[in-house]
C-alpha atoms as a PDB file:
ATOM      1  CA  MET A   1     -39.313 -20.933  -2.805  1.00  0.00           C
ATOM      2  CA  ARG A   2     -37.631 -24.270  -3.248  1.00  0.00           C
ATOM      3  CA  VAL A   3     -34.273 -22.619  -2.127  1.00  0.00           C
ATOM      4  CA  TYR A   4     -35.861 -21.124   0.868  1.00  0.00           C
ATOM      5  CA  THR A   5     -37.311 -24.465   1.908  1.00  0.00           C
ATOM      6  CA  TYR A   6     -33.886 -26.122   1.570  1.00  0.00           C
ATOM      7  CA  LEU A   7     -32.288 -23.423   3.755  1.00  0.00           C
ATOM      8  CA  LYS A   8     -35.090 -23.617   6.252  1.00  0.00           C
ATOM      9  CA  LEU A   9     -34.681 -27.271   6.610  1.00  0.00           C
ATOM     10  CA  ALA A  10     -30.975 -27.039   6.974  1.00  0.00           C
ATOM     11  CA  ARG A  11     -31.340 -24.347   9.549  1.00  0.00           C
ATOM     12  CA  GLN A  12     -33.811 -26.517  11.577  1.00  0.00           C
ATOM     13  CA  SER A  13     -31.703 -29.563  11.445  1.00  0.00           C
ATOM     14  CA  TYR A  14     -28.483 -27.704  12.431  1.00  0.00           C
ATOM     15  CA  TYR A  15     -28.718 -28.810  16.044  1.00  0.00           C
ATOM     16  CA  VAL A  16     -25.827 -28.414  18.448  1.00  0.00           C
ATOM     17  CA  PRO A  17     -26.034 -30.432  21.713  1.00  0.00           C
ATOM     18  CA  ARG A  18     -26.439 -28.042  24.573  1.00  0.00           C
ATOM     19  CA  PHE A  19     -23.497 -29.199  26.789  1.00  0.00           C
ATOM     20  CA  THR A  20     -20.935 -29.903  24.186  1.00  0.00           C
ATOM     21  CA  HIS A  21     -18.732 -27.862  22.047  1.00  0.00           C
ATOM     22  CA  GLN A  22     -18.702 -30.405  19.159  1.00  0.00           C
ATOM     23  CA  ARG A  23     -20.888 -30.097  16.135  1.00  0.00           C
ATOM     24  CA  PRO A  24     -22.090 -33.102  14.145  1.00  0.00           C
ATOM     25  CA  PRO A  25     -19.655 -33.372  11.240  1.00  0.00           C
ATOM     26  CA  ILE A  26     -22.194 -34.578   8.676  1.00  0.00           C
ATOM     27  CA  LEU A  27     -24.583 -31.863   9.370  1.00  0.00           C
ATOM     28  CA  LEU A  28     -21.849 -29.344   9.226  1.00  0.00           C
ATOM     29  CA  TYR A  29     -20.724 -30.744   5.944  1.00  0.00           C
ATOM     30  CA  TYR A  30     -24.171 -30.247   4.423  1.00  0.00           C
ATOM     31  CA  TRP A  31     -24.575 -26.899   6.007  1.00  0.00           C
ATOM     32  CA  ASP A  32     -21.425 -25.672   4.319  1.00  0.00           C
ATOM     33  CA  ILE A  33     -22.657 -27.024   0.985  1.00  0.00           C
ATOM     34  CA  LEU A  34     -25.750 -25.120   1.276  1.00  0.00           C
ATOM     35  CA  ARG A  35     -23.955 -21.911   2.302  1.00  0.00           C
ATOM     36  CA  ILE A  36     -21.808 -22.130  -0.881  1.00  0.00           C
ATOM     37  CA  PHE A  37     -24.807 -22.954  -2.946  1.00  0.00           C
ATOM     38  CA  ALA A  38     -26.629 -19.802  -1.647  1.00  0.00           C
ATOM     39  CA  LEU A  39     -23.729 -17.604  -2.720  1.00  0.00           C
ATOM     40  CA  GLN A  40     -23.471 -19.183  -6.190  1.00  0.00           C
ATOM     41  CA  ILE A  41     -27.186 -18.393  -6.872  1.00  0.00           C
ATOM     42  CA  ASP A  42     -26.632 -14.869  -5.636  1.00  0.00           C
ATOM     43  CA  ILE A  43     -28.380 -15.050  -2.292  1.00  0.00           C
ATOM     44  CA  SER A  44     -26.720 -12.205  -0.461  1.00  0.00           C
ATOM     45  CA  TYR A  45     -24.489 -13.457   2.194  1.00  0.00           C
ATOM     46  CA  ASP A  46     -25.527 -11.165   4.877  1.00  0.00           C
ATOM     47  CA  ILE A  47     -29.224 -12.258   4.337  1.00  0.00           C
ATOM     48  CA  PHE A  48     -28.261 -15.892   4.572  1.00  0.00           C
ATOM     49  CA  MET A  49     -26.193 -15.493   7.518  1.00  0.00           C
ATOM     50  CA  TYR A  50     -28.894 -13.438   9.235  1.00  0.00           C
ATOM     51  CA  HIS A  51     -31.221 -16.484   9.097  1.00  0.00           C
ATOM     52  CA  LYS A  52     -28.645 -18.825  10.492  1.00  0.00           C
ATOM     53  CA  ARG A  53     -29.235 -20.198  13.910  1.00  0.00           C
ATOM     54  CA  PRO A  54     -26.765 -18.359  16.201  1.00  0.00           C
ATOM     55  CA  ARG A  55     -24.261 -20.366  18.276  1.00  0.00           C
ATOM     56  CA  GLU A  56     -23.175 -19.280  21.670  1.00  0.00           C
ATOM     57  CA  GLN A  57     -19.451 -18.499  21.487  1.00  0.00           C
ATOM     58  CA  ALA A  58     -16.895 -16.328  23.350  1.00  0.00           C
ATOM     59  CA  ARG A  59     -16.191 -13.067  21.587  1.00  0.00           C
ATOM     60  CA  HIS A  60     -12.477 -12.571  20.789  1.00  0.00           C
ATOM     61  CA  TYR A  61     -12.741  -8.681  20.560  1.00  0.00           C
ATOM     62  CA  ASP A  62     -14.235  -5.521  21.934  1.00  0.00           C
ATOM     63  CA  ILE A  63     -16.125  -3.110  19.751  1.00  0.00           C
ATOM     64  CA  GLN A  64     -16.832   0.555  19.970  1.00  0.00           C
ATOM     65  CA  TRP A  65     -19.488   1.999  17.621  1.00  0.00           C
ATOM     66  CA  TYR A  66     -19.542   5.478  15.990  1.00  0.00           C
ATOM     67  CA  ARG A  67     -23.076   5.620  14.772  1.00  0.00           C
ATOM     68  CA  GLN A  68     -23.135   8.934  12.922  1.00  0.00           C
ATOM     69  CA  THR A  69     -21.287  10.661  10.071  1.00  0.00           C
ATOM     70  CA  GLY A  70     -18.379  12.867  10.911  1.00  0.00           C
ATOM     71  CA  VAL A  71     -14.653  12.274  11.808  1.00  0.00           C
ATOM     72  CA  PHE A  72     -13.698   9.593  14.511  1.00  0.00           C
ATOM     73  CA  TYR A  73     -10.321   9.008  15.995  1.00  0.00           C
ATOM     74  CA  PRO A  74      -9.658   5.375  16.749  1.00  0.00           C
ATOM     75  CA  GLU A  75      -7.163   4.310  19.398  1.00  0.00           C
ATOM     76  CA  GLN A  76      -4.114   3.324  17.520  1.00  0.00           C
ATOM     77  CA  LEU A  77      -1.943   0.119  17.535  1.00  0.00           C
ATOM     78  CA  SER A  78       1.513   1.030  18.617  1.00  0.00           C
ATOM     79  CA  SER A  79       3.104   0.513  15.275  1.00  0.00           C
ATOM     80  CA  GLU A  80       0.290   2.111  13.214  1.00  0.00           C
ATOM     81  CA  THR A  81       0.159   5.412  11.392  1.00  0.00           C
ATOM     82  CA  PRO A  82      -2.191   7.862  13.122  1.00  0.00           C
ATOM     83  CA  THR A  83      -5.437   7.288  11.324  1.00  0.00           C
ATOM     84  CA  VAL A  84      -8.910   8.838  11.328  1.00  0.00           C
ATOM     85  CA  GLY A  85     -12.135   7.717   9.766  1.00  0.00           C
ATOM     86  CA  VAL A  86     -14.177  10.264   7.834  1.00  0.00           C
ATOM     87  CA  SER A  87     -17.670   9.072   7.472  1.00  0.00           C
ATOM     88  CA  ALA A  88     -19.993  11.057   5.143  1.00  0.00           C
ATOM     89  CA  ASN A  89     -22.946  10.340   3.077  1.00  0.00           C
ATOM     90  CA  THR A  90     -22.333  12.956   0.382  1.00  0.00           C
ATOM     91  CA  TRP A  91     -19.442  14.104  -1.477  1.00  0.00           C
ATOM     92  CA  ARG A  92     -19.927  17.732  -0.147  1.00  0.00           C
ATOM     93  CA  GLU A  93     -20.154  16.465   3.399  1.00  0.00           C
ATOM     94  CA  TYR A  94     -16.877  14.465   2.852  1.00  0.00           C
ATOM     95  CA  MET A  95     -15.035  17.530   1.523  1.00  0.00           C
ATOM     96  CA  ASP A  96     -16.127  19.688   4.346  1.00  0.00           C
ATOM     97  CA  LEU A  97     -14.995  17.154   6.979  1.00  0.00           C
ATOM     98  CA  ILE A  98     -11.593  16.384   5.278  1.00  0.00           C
ATOM     99  CA  ARG A  99     -10.700  19.973   5.385  1.00  0.00           C
ATOM    100  CA  LYS A 100     -11.194  20.295   9.101  1.00  0.00           C
ATOM    101  CA  ALA A 101      -9.640  17.023  10.318  1.00  0.00           C
ATOM    102  CA  ALA A 102      -6.102  16.436  11.377  1.00  0.00           C
ATOM    103  CA  ALA A 103      -4.157  13.211  11.000  1.00  0.00           C
ATOM    104  CA  ASP A 104      -1.506  11.374   9.048  1.00  0.00           C
ATOM    105  CA  ARG A 105      -4.000   8.999   7.309  1.00  0.00           C
ATOM    106  CA  PHE A 106      -7.651   9.560   6.424  1.00  0.00           C
ATOM    107  CA  ILE A 107      -9.892   6.576   5.548  1.00  0.00           C
ATOM    108  CA  SER A 108     -13.120   7.312   3.483  1.00  0.00           C
ATOM    109  CA  PRO A 109     -16.155   5.058   3.030  1.00  0.00           C
ATOM    110  CA  GLU A 110     -16.581   2.818  -0.152  1.00  0.00           C
ATOM    111  CA  LEU A 111     -17.133   4.598  -3.462  1.00  0.00           C
ATOM    112  CA  MET A 112     -16.843   8.059  -1.825  1.00  0.00           C
ATOM    113  CA  THR A 113     -16.434   9.859  -5.034  1.00  0.00           C
ATOM    114  CA  THR A 114     -19.882   8.657  -6.338  1.00  0.00           C
ATOM    115  CA  ALA A 115     -21.615   8.843  -2.848  1.00  0.00           C
ATOM    116  CA  ASP A 116     -24.518  10.866  -4.368  1.00  0.00           C
ATOM    117  CA  ILE A 117     -24.720   9.056  -7.718  1.00  0.00           C
ATOM    118  CA  ASP A 118     -26.943   6.056  -8.356  1.00  0.00           C
ATOM    119  CA  LEU A 119     -25.045   2.751  -8.737  1.00  0.00           C
ATOM    120  CA  LEU A 120     -26.443   2.244 -12.260  1.00  0.00           C
ATOM    121  CA  GLU A 121     -25.149   5.524 -13.371  1.00  0.00           C
ATOM    122  CA  ILE A 122     -21.486   5.035 -12.393  1.00  0.00           C
ATOM    123  CA  PRO A 123     -20.321   3.761 -15.805  1.00  0.00           C
ATOM    124  CA  GLY A 124     -21.141   7.157 -17.310  1.00  0.00           C
ATOM    125  CA  GLN A 125     -19.583   9.395 -14.566  1.00  0.00           C
ATOM    126  CA  ARG A 126     -15.966   9.146 -15.411  1.00  0.00           C
ATOM    127  CA  ASP A 127     -15.531  12.999 -15.794  1.00  0.00           C
ATOM    128  CA  VAL A 128     -17.271  13.666 -12.554  1.00  0.00           C
ATOM    129  CA  VAL A 129     -15.038  11.209 -10.663  1.00  0.00           C
ATOM    130  CA  ASP A 130     -11.909  12.486 -12.301  1.00  0.00           C
ATOM    131  CA  ASP A 131     -12.799  16.096 -11.387  1.00  0.00           C
ATOM    132  CA  ARG A 132     -13.386  15.109  -7.748  1.00  0.00           C
ATOM    133  CA  LEU A 133     -10.107  13.178  -7.528  1.00  0.00           C
ATOM    134  CA  ALA A 134      -8.258  16.182  -8.983  1.00  0.00           C
ATOM    135  CA  LYS A 135      -9.836  18.314  -6.182  1.00  0.00           C
ATOM    136  CA  LEU A 136      -8.607  15.907  -3.576  1.00  0.00           C
ATOM    137  CA  GLU A 137      -4.976  15.963  -5.195  1.00  0.00           C
ATOM    138  CA  GLU A 138      -5.076  19.741  -5.095  1.00  0.00           C
ATOM    139  CA  LEU A 139      -6.166  19.689  -1.354  1.00  0.00           C
ATOM    140  CA  SER A 140      -3.451  17.225  -0.497  1.00  0.00           C
ATOM    141  CA  THR A 141      -0.695  19.521  -1.436  1.00  0.00           C
ATOM    142  CA  SER A 142      -1.691  21.674   1.479  1.00  0.00           C
ATOM    143  CA  MET A 143      -1.134  18.850   3.888  1.00  0.00           C
ATOM    144  CA  PRO A 144       1.819  17.063   2.311  1.00  0.00           C
ATOM    145  CA  THR A 145       2.554  14.548   4.971  1.00  0.00           C
ATOM    146  CA  ALA A 146      -1.099  13.156   5.045  1.00  0.00           C
ATOM    147  CA  GLU A 147      -2.451  10.133   3.076  1.00  0.00           C
ATOM    148  CA  LEU A 148      -5.928  10.297   1.732  1.00  0.00           C
ATOM    149  CA  VAL A 149      -7.441   6.810   1.297  1.00  0.00           C
ATOM    150  CA  VAL A 150     -10.491   7.327  -0.978  1.00  0.00           C
ATOM    151  CA  GLY A 151     -13.079   4.874  -2.356  1.00  0.00           C
ATOM    152  CA  THR A 152     -13.790   5.479  -6.024  1.00  0.00           C
ATOM    153  CA  PRO A 153     -14.653   3.717  -9.334  1.00  0.00           C
ATOM    154  CA  GLU A 154     -11.481   2.967 -11.282  1.00  0.00           C
ATOM    155  CA  TYR A 155     -12.055   3.218 -14.981  1.00  0.00           C
ATOM    156  CA  HIS A 156      -9.699   0.764 -16.538  1.00  0.00           C
ATOM    157  CA  PRO A 157      -9.479  -0.759 -20.053  1.00  0.00           C
ATOM    158  CA  ASP A 158     -10.371  -4.226 -18.521  1.00  0.00           C
ATOM    159  CA  GLY A 159     -13.465  -2.851 -16.852  1.00  0.00           C
ATOM    160  CA  ILE A 160     -14.534  -0.669 -13.907  1.00  0.00           C
ATOM    161  CA  TYR A 161     -12.985  -1.719 -10.523  1.00  0.00           C
ATOM    162  CA  ASN A 162     -14.476  -0.787  -7.086  1.00  0.00           C
ATOM    163  CA  SER A 163     -11.128   0.711  -5.808  1.00  0.00           C
ATOM    164  CA  LEU A 164      -9.320   2.460  -3.084  1.00  0.00           C
ATOM    165  CA  VAL A 165      -6.864   5.049  -4.089  1.00  0.00           C
ATOM    166  CA  ILE A 166      -4.257   6.763  -1.934  1.00  0.00           C
ATOM    167  CA  ILE A 167      -3.540  10.323  -2.491  1.00  0.00           C
ATOM    168  CA  LYS A 168      -0.476  12.123  -1.052  1.00  0.00           C
ATOM    169  CA  ASN A 169       1.056  15.486  -1.750  1.00  0.00           C
ATOM    170  CA  GLY A 170      -0.699  15.942  -5.227  1.00  0.00           C
ATOM    171  CA  THR A 171      -0.065  12.294  -6.572  1.00  0.00           C
ATOM    172  CA  ARG A 172      -2.482   9.416  -6.655  1.00  0.00           C
ATOM    173  CA  ARG A 173      -1.971   5.659  -7.010  1.00  0.00           C
ATOM    174  CA  ILE A 174      -4.236   2.515  -6.786  1.00  0.00           C
ATOM    175  CA  LEU A 175      -4.127   1.048  -3.267  1.00  0.00           C
ATOM    176  CA  GLU A 176      -6.701  -1.755  -3.504  1.00  0.00           C
ATOM    177  CA  ARG A 177      -9.420  -3.219  -5.648  1.00  0.00           C
ATOM    178  CA  LYS A 178     -12.476  -5.047  -4.435  1.00  0.00           C
ATOM    179  CA  ARG A 179     -12.216  -8.749  -4.583  1.00  0.00           C
ATOM    180  CA  THR A 180     -15.373 -10.035  -3.202  1.00  0.00           C
ATOM    181  CA  ILE A 181     -18.618  -8.938  -5.140  1.00  0.00           C
ATOM    182  CA  PHE A 182     -21.822 -10.756  -4.115  1.00  0.00           C
ATOM    183  CA  SER A 183     -24.726  -8.933  -5.700  1.00  0.00           C
ATOM    184  CA  SER A 184     -25.734  -9.182  -9.233  1.00  0.00           C
ATOM    185  CA  ALA A 185     -26.308  -5.385  -9.436  1.00  0.00           C
ATOM    186  CA  GLU A 186     -22.745  -4.742  -8.423  1.00  0.00           C
ATOM    187  CA  GLN A 187     -21.345  -7.529 -10.670  1.00  0.00           C
ATOM    188  CA  GLY A 188     -23.125  -5.850 -13.661  1.00  0.00           C
ATOM    189  CA  ILE A 189     -20.977  -2.721 -13.199  1.00  0.00           C
ATOM    190  CA  PHE A 190     -17.730  -3.638 -11.438  1.00  0.00           C
ATOM    191  CA  THR A 191     -14.991  -6.219 -12.249  1.00  0.00           C
ATOM    192  CA  ALA A 192     -13.785  -8.194  -9.355  1.00  0.00           C
ATOM    193  CA  SER A 193     -10.009  -8.033  -8.881  1.00  0.00           C
ATOM    194  CA  ASN A 194      -8.255 -11.591  -8.595  1.00  0.00           C
ATOM    195  CA  THR A 195      -5.055 -10.287  -7.056  1.00  0.00           C
ATOM    196  CA  LEU A 196      -4.185  -8.307  -3.954  1.00  0.00           C
ATOM    197  CA  GLN A 197      -2.675  -4.877  -4.916  1.00  0.00           C
ATOM    198  CA  GLN A 198      -1.059  -4.007  -1.630  1.00  0.00           C
ATOM    199  CA  ARG A 199       2.583  -4.904  -1.076  1.00  0.00           C
ATOM    200  CA  CYS A 200       2.742  -3.854   2.601  1.00  0.00           C
ATOM    201  CA  THR A 201      -0.010  -5.827   4.247  1.00  0.00           C
ATOM    202  CA  ARG A 202       0.566  -5.419   7.932  1.00  0.00           C
ATOM    203  CA  THR A 203      -2.064  -2.846   7.918  1.00  0.00           C
ATOM    204  CA  LEU A 204      -4.401  -3.965   5.148  1.00  0.00           C
ATOM    205  CA  SER A 205      -6.938  -1.802   3.395  1.00  0.00           C
ATOM    206  CA  ALA A 206     -10.198  -3.632   2.316  1.00  0.00           C
ATOM    207  CA  VAL A 207     -13.349  -2.792   0.430  1.00  0.00           C
ATOM    208  CA  CYS A 208     -16.576  -3.575   2.145  1.00  0.00           C
ATOM    209  CA  ALA A 209     -17.502  -7.235   1.324  1.00  0.00           C
ATOM    210  CA  ASP A 210     -13.836  -8.080   1.250  1.00  0.00           C
ATOM    211  CA  LEU A 211     -14.165  -8.321   5.000  1.00  0.00           C
ATOM    212  CA  VAL A 212     -16.767 -11.038   4.453  1.00  0.00           C
ATOM    213  CA  GLY A 213     -14.620 -12.889   1.895  1.00  0.00           C
ATOM    214  CA  TYR A 214     -11.542 -12.896   4.203  1.00  0.00           C
ATOM    215  CA  GLY A 215     -13.631 -14.541   7.079  1.00  0.00           C
ATOM    216  CA  MET A 216     -15.272 -17.210   5.011  1.00  0.00           C
ATOM    217  CA  GLN A 217     -12.582 -19.586   4.723  1.00  0.00           C
ATOM    218  CA  TYR A 218     -13.520 -21.172   1.491  1.00  0.00           C
ATOM    219  CA  PRO A 219     -10.986 -21.787  -1.451  1.00  0.00           C
ATOM    220  CA  GLN A 220     -12.760 -19.307  -3.843  1.00  0.00           C
ATOM    221  CA  TYR A 221     -12.415 -16.383  -1.374  1.00  0.00           C
ATOM    222  CA  PRO A 222      -9.184 -14.576  -0.565  1.00  0.00           C
ATOM    223  CA  LYS A 223      -7.316 -15.330   2.642  1.00  0.00           C
ATOM    224  CA  LEU A 224      -5.815 -12.656   4.932  1.00  0.00           C
ATOM    225  CA  PRO A 225      -2.112 -12.209   4.582  1.00  0.00           C
ATOM    226  CA  GLN A 226      -0.276 -13.905   7.436  1.00  0.00           C
ATOM    227  CA  ASP A 227       1.478 -10.599   8.545  1.00  0.00           C
ATOM    228  CA  THR A 228      -1.830  -8.524   8.817  1.00  0.00           C
ATOM    229  CA  ARG A 229      -2.375  -6.993  12.175  1.00  0.00           C
ATOM    230  CA  ALA A 230      -4.998  -4.441  11.338  1.00  0.00           C
ATOM    231  CA  ILE A 231      -7.559  -3.964   8.589  1.00  0.00           C
ATOM    232  CA  HIS A 232      -8.997  -0.669   7.464  1.00  0.00           C
ATOM    233  CA  ALA A 233     -12.277  -1.241   5.736  1.00  0.00           C
ATOM    234  CA  SER A 234     -14.014   1.166   3.579  1.00  0.00           C
ATOM    235  CA  CYS A 235     -17.686   0.240   3.487  1.00  0.00           C
ATOM    236  CA  CYS A 236     -21.177   1.084   2.325  1.00  0.00           C
ATOM    237  CA  TRP A 237     -22.697  -1.543   4.518  1.00  0.00           C
ATOM    238  CA  ALA A 238     -26.255  -0.821   4.936  1.00  0.00           C
ATOM    239  CA  THR A 239     -27.132  -1.319   1.110  1.00  0.00           C
ATOM    240  CA  PRO A 240     -29.702  -4.058  -0.099  1.00  0.00           C
ATOM    241  CA  LEU A 241     -27.606  -6.397  -2.112  1.00  0.00           C
ATOM    242  CA  GLU A 242     -30.595  -7.534  -4.151  1.00  0.00           C
ATOM    243  CA  GLU A 243     -33.178  -4.904  -4.708  1.00  0.00           C
ATOM    244  CA  GLY A 244     -36.709  -6.285  -5.161  1.00  0.00           C
ATOM    245  CA  ALA A 245     -35.627  -9.928  -4.844  1.00  0.00           C
ATOM    246  CA  ARG A 246     -38.201 -12.171  -3.202  1.00  0.00           C
ATOM    247  CA  TYR A 247     -35.697 -13.549  -0.693  1.00  0.00           C
ATOM    248  CA  ALA A 248     -34.153 -10.161   0.160  1.00  0.00           C
ATOM    249  CA  ALA A 249     -34.852  -8.989   3.858  1.00  0.00           C
ATOM    250  CA  ALA A 250     -35.945  -5.410   4.197  1.00  0.00           C
ATOM    251  CA  PRO A 251     -33.066  -3.074   5.380  1.00  0.00           C
ATOM    252  CA  ASP A 252     -33.239  -2.860   9.161  1.00  0.00           C
ATOM    253  CA  GLU A 253     -30.951  -2.142  12.078  1.00  0.00           C
ATOM    254  CA  LYS A 254     -30.719  -5.684  13.397  1.00  0.00           C
ATOM    255  CA  ARG A 255     -29.910  -7.285  10.149  1.00  0.00           C
ATOM    256  CA  TYR A 256     -27.106  -4.969   9.270  1.00  0.00           C
ATOM    257  CA  THR A 257     -25.460  -4.824  12.795  1.00  0.00           C
ATOM    258  CA  SER A 258     -25.653  -8.591  13.239  1.00  0.00           C
ATOM    259  CA  THR A 259     -24.083  -9.156   9.862  1.00  0.00           C
ATOM    260  CA  MET A 260     -21.163  -6.893  10.919  1.00  0.00           C
ATOM    261  CA  THR A 261     -20.529  -8.510  14.238  1.00  0.00           C
ATOM    262  CA  ARG A 262     -20.705 -12.090  12.662  1.00  0.00           C
ATOM    263  CA  THR A 263     -18.204 -10.845  10.125  1.00  0.00           C
ATOM    264  CA  LEU A 264     -15.940  -9.537  12.907  1.00  0.00           C
ATOM    265  CA  ASP A 265     -16.541 -12.856  14.881  1.00  0.00           C
ATOM    266  CA  HIS A 266     -15.196 -14.898  11.943  1.00  0.00           C
ATOM    267  CA  LEU A 267     -12.076 -12.680  11.291  1.00  0.00           C
ATOM    268  CA  PHE A 268     -10.864 -12.651  14.859  1.00  0.00           C
ATOM    269  CA  ALA A 269     -11.733 -16.335  15.309  1.00  0.00           C
ATOM    270  CA  HIS A 270      -9.835 -17.373  12.104  1.00  0.00           C
ATOM    271  CA  TYR A 271      -6.797 -15.023  12.267  1.00  0.00           C
ATOM    272  CA  PRO A 272      -5.195 -14.930  15.839  1.00  0.00           C
ATOM    273  CA  GLN A 273      -2.474 -12.474  14.445  1.00  0.00           C
ATOM    274  CA  LEU A 274      -5.284  -9.834  13.722  1.00  0.00           C
ATOM    275  CA  GLN A 275      -5.539  -7.166  16.343  1.00  0.00           C
ATOM    276  CA  GLN A 276      -7.720  -4.484  15.090  1.00  0.00           C
ATOM    277  CA  VAL A 277     -10.401  -3.735  12.400  1.00  0.00           C
ATOM    278  CA  ILE A 278     -11.395  -0.235  11.608  1.00  0.00           C
ATOM    279  CA  VAL A 279     -14.671   0.221   9.617  1.00  0.00           C
ATOM    280  CA  VAL A 280     -15.532   3.524   7.917  1.00  0.00           C
ATOM    281  CA  ASP A 281     -18.988   3.466   6.559  1.00  0.00           C
ATOM    282  CA  ARG A 282     -21.643   5.522   4.793  1.00  0.00           C
ATOM    283  CA  THR A 283     -25.287   4.880   4.019  1.00  0.00           C
ATOM    284  CA  PRO A 284     -27.137   5.487   0.851  1.00  0.00           C
ATOM    285  CA  PRO A 285     -30.371   7.725   0.650  1.00  0.00           C
ATOM    286  CA  SER A 286     -32.395   4.539   0.334  1.00  0.00           C
ATOM    287  CA  THR A 287     -32.167   3.784   4.024  1.00  0.00           C
ATOM    288  CA  ALA A 288     -32.397   5.787   7.293  1.00  0.00           C
ATOM    289  CA  ILE A 289     -30.030   3.476   9.218  1.00  0.00           C
ATOM    290  CA  PRO A 290     -27.047   5.295  10.531  1.00  0.00           C
ATOM    291  CA  PRO A 291     -23.673   4.342   9.467  1.00  0.00           C
ATOM    292  CA  LEU A 292     -21.920   1.307  10.998  1.00  0.00           C
ATOM    293  CA  ASN A 293     -18.606   2.936  11.864  1.00  0.00           C
ATOM    294  CA  CYS A 294     -16.746   1.032  14.330  1.00  0.00           C
ATOM    295  CA  VAL A 295     -13.431  -0.196  15.775  1.00  0.00           C
ATOM    296  CA  ALA A 296     -12.997  -3.630  16.940  1.00  0.00           C
ATOM    297  CA  ARG A 297      -9.856  -4.658  18.973  1.00  0.00           C
ATOM    298  CA  ARG A 298      -8.801  -8.083  20.135  1.00  0.00           C
ATOM    299  CA  LYS A 299      -9.268  -8.529  23.787  1.00  0.00           C
ATOM    300  CA  THR A 300      -6.183  -7.980  25.751  1.00  0.00           C
ATOM    301  CA  HIS A 301      -4.343  -9.991  28.353  1.00  0.00           C
ATOM    302  CA  ASN A 302      -3.076  -7.836  31.403  1.00  0.00           C
ATOM    303  CA  GLY A 303      -3.722  -4.655  29.250  1.00  0.00           C
ATOM    304  CA  ILE A 304      -1.287  -5.729  26.595  1.00  0.00           C
ATOM    305  CA  ILE A 305      -2.172  -6.063  22.940  1.00  0.00           C
ATOM    306  CA  GLY A 306       0.129  -7.019  20.166  1.00  0.00           C
ATOM    307  CA  SER A 307       1.529  -4.583  17.691  1.00  0.00           C
END
């Protein structure tokens, strides 16, 4: 209750004059301190940002939503590998979709190999995960030029990582490991990576909350590489980060869509080189909210967008 009061007072005092673009530096300073404090005590970032007083600002991007499971085909940047998003809420649905789609690169949601397994059961599901990855490796031999980017637990001697693997022509390698973990439930299962796994970052793969981390501009969170023009994000976005917590807002459409758009606002505002973000999402059985699949592209000038 004390934390909530502090946040409420900060939100009420965060006043921006109506006819100026300048913000009071002292209030901004204390607001940022409170935001860091909220993260340190495990207040979910999306819950915290949802209660923040909105500021009017010009949007740097256009967004197209794909609010259902299935395969969607985003418009590509000129230099990008033809890519599709494969949004599925269960493993069986994902396998059915992947067999019917056609592209050079397929992006799955976060933790796709355990989509129908409870989060707390993941540590004991290595055999199931290995079997599902083996099936994808076998499938990939029938489309040898395609790359399957798949969200999966990675069982490592150092711990379990929330990872993305890339499978091509029967072989598999680690593409990325999740670096930004907010919730205590996920922290109890997964190890956060402290290094970027990808060498080629012009098109960067990211895992869910890594999008938020890249946009936050604080020293403890990773920065987007300077050459990144596009982000492919594998997400399970509409998941309550703190089940049963007193301060956790109930899952609802407004909260999750506004958190996504705020995250995109920050990314496009902070990184002028960023041209596109593709989000491939799934939703767990605990919510009826449809997936937040979307493609955000920086607004063009005279119809030209950088590649």
